Protein backbone atom coordinates (compact mmCIF):
# COMPACT_ATOMS: atom_id res chain seq x y z
CA MET A 1 -0.16 22.75 -48.27
CA THR A 2 -3.79 21.10 -49.48
CA THR A 3 -3.70 19.27 -52.50
CA ASN A 4 -5.64 21.89 -54.18
CA GLU A 5 -2.63 24.11 -54.02
CA LEU A 6 -0.56 21.88 -55.74
CA LYS A 7 0.31 22.83 -59.26
CA LYS A 8 1.06 21.25 -62.72
CA GLY A 9 4.44 19.71 -62.68
CA THR A 10 4.60 19.01 -58.99
CA ARG A 11 6.23 15.70 -57.94
CA ILE A 12 4.38 13.76 -55.73
CA HIS A 13 4.31 10.65 -53.42
CA LEU A 14 1.02 8.44 -53.30
CA LYS A 15 0.12 6.43 -50.34
CA ASN A 16 0.69 3.15 -52.13
CA GLY A 17 4.24 4.06 -52.69
CA TRP A 18 4.22 5.23 -56.25
CA TYR A 19 5.57 8.37 -57.47
CA ALA A 20 3.93 10.50 -59.84
CA THR A 21 4.01 14.08 -61.48
CA LEU A 22 0.83 16.49 -61.54
CA MET A 23 -0.53 17.04 -65.05
CA ASP A 24 -2.95 19.61 -64.42
CA ASN A 25 -3.92 22.84 -61.94
CA LYS A 26 -7.27 21.56 -61.01
CA LYS A 27 -8.85 21.53 -57.56
CA GLY A 28 -11.06 18.99 -56.15
CA THR A 29 -11.25 15.54 -55.47
CA ILE A 30 -9.77 14.08 -58.91
CA ARG A 31 -6.50 14.96 -60.27
CA MET A 32 -4.63 14.05 -63.57
CA ALA A 33 -1.06 12.72 -63.08
CA GLU A 34 1.92 10.70 -64.71
CA VAL A 35 1.96 7.98 -62.58
CA GLU A 36 4.99 5.65 -62.41
CA GLY A 37 3.53 2.35 -61.08
CA PHE A 38 3.98 -1.05 -62.77
CA TYR A 39 3.88 1.04 -66.03
CA THR A 40 4.33 4.80 -66.59
CA GLU A 41 1.03 6.27 -67.65
CA ILE A 42 -1.17 9.33 -67.42
CA GLY A 43 -4.66 9.18 -65.94
CA SER A 44 -6.81 10.41 -63.17
CA ILE A 45 -6.16 9.82 -59.46
CA TYR A 46 -8.17 10.70 -56.40
CA ALA A 47 -6.43 13.82 -54.55
CA HIS A 48 -6.77 11.48 -51.16
CA ASP A 49 -4.28 9.27 -52.29
CA ILE A 50 -1.42 12.01 -52.41
CA ALA A 51 0.68 11.54 -49.40
CA GLU A 52 3.54 14.13 -50.06
CA TYR A 53 4.94 16.64 -52.59
CA ARG A 54 8.33 17.65 -53.20
CA ASP A 55 8.98 21.20 -52.96
CA GLU A 56 11.44 23.43 -55.28
CA HIS A 57 14.39 22.65 -52.79
CA GLY A 58 13.67 18.76 -53.17
CA GLU A 59 12.44 18.34 -49.76
CA TRP A 60 9.25 16.46 -49.16
CA HIS A 61 6.55 17.74 -47.32
CA LEU A 62 3.06 16.02 -46.14
CA VAL A 63 0.01 17.30 -47.71
CA GLU A 64 -3.36 18.28 -46.11
CA HIS A 65 -6.65 17.11 -47.59
CA THR A 66 -9.90 18.94 -47.75
CA LYS A 67 -12.96 17.86 -46.14
CA LYS A 68 -14.67 17.01 -49.19
CA GLN A 69 -11.47 14.75 -50.18
CA LYS A 70 -11.77 13.00 -46.73
CA GLU A 71 -15.43 12.50 -47.37
CA VAL A 72 -14.74 10.92 -50.82
CA GLU A 73 -12.00 8.70 -48.99
CA LYS A 74 -14.27 7.59 -46.57
CA MET A 75 -16.87 6.51 -49.45
CA ASN A 76 -14.39 4.60 -51.22
CA ARG A 77 -13.34 2.66 -48.15
CA MET A 78 -16.90 1.82 -47.39
CA ILE A 79 -17.36 0.94 -50.98
CA PHE A 80 -14.20 -1.02 -51.95
CA GLY A 81 -12.96 -1.77 -48.49
CA ALA A 82 -9.33 -1.24 -46.96
């Protein structure tokens, strides 16, 4: 499943190890999520930072990123490193 197919309320696992819940049904390179990190807060995240999603049965699955999302990830790495 691509990140564009993930719906509001979907539980996700981010590449940095944090968990989040999607707060929108948008498509594209930026999504809104409630992120459980050092603090729990709602904000924008890059779609390319989503690693996995949890389905209705509680099983985790890897996500697929679109070509545009991969391009944004590459650009971010060039600008910010890592």
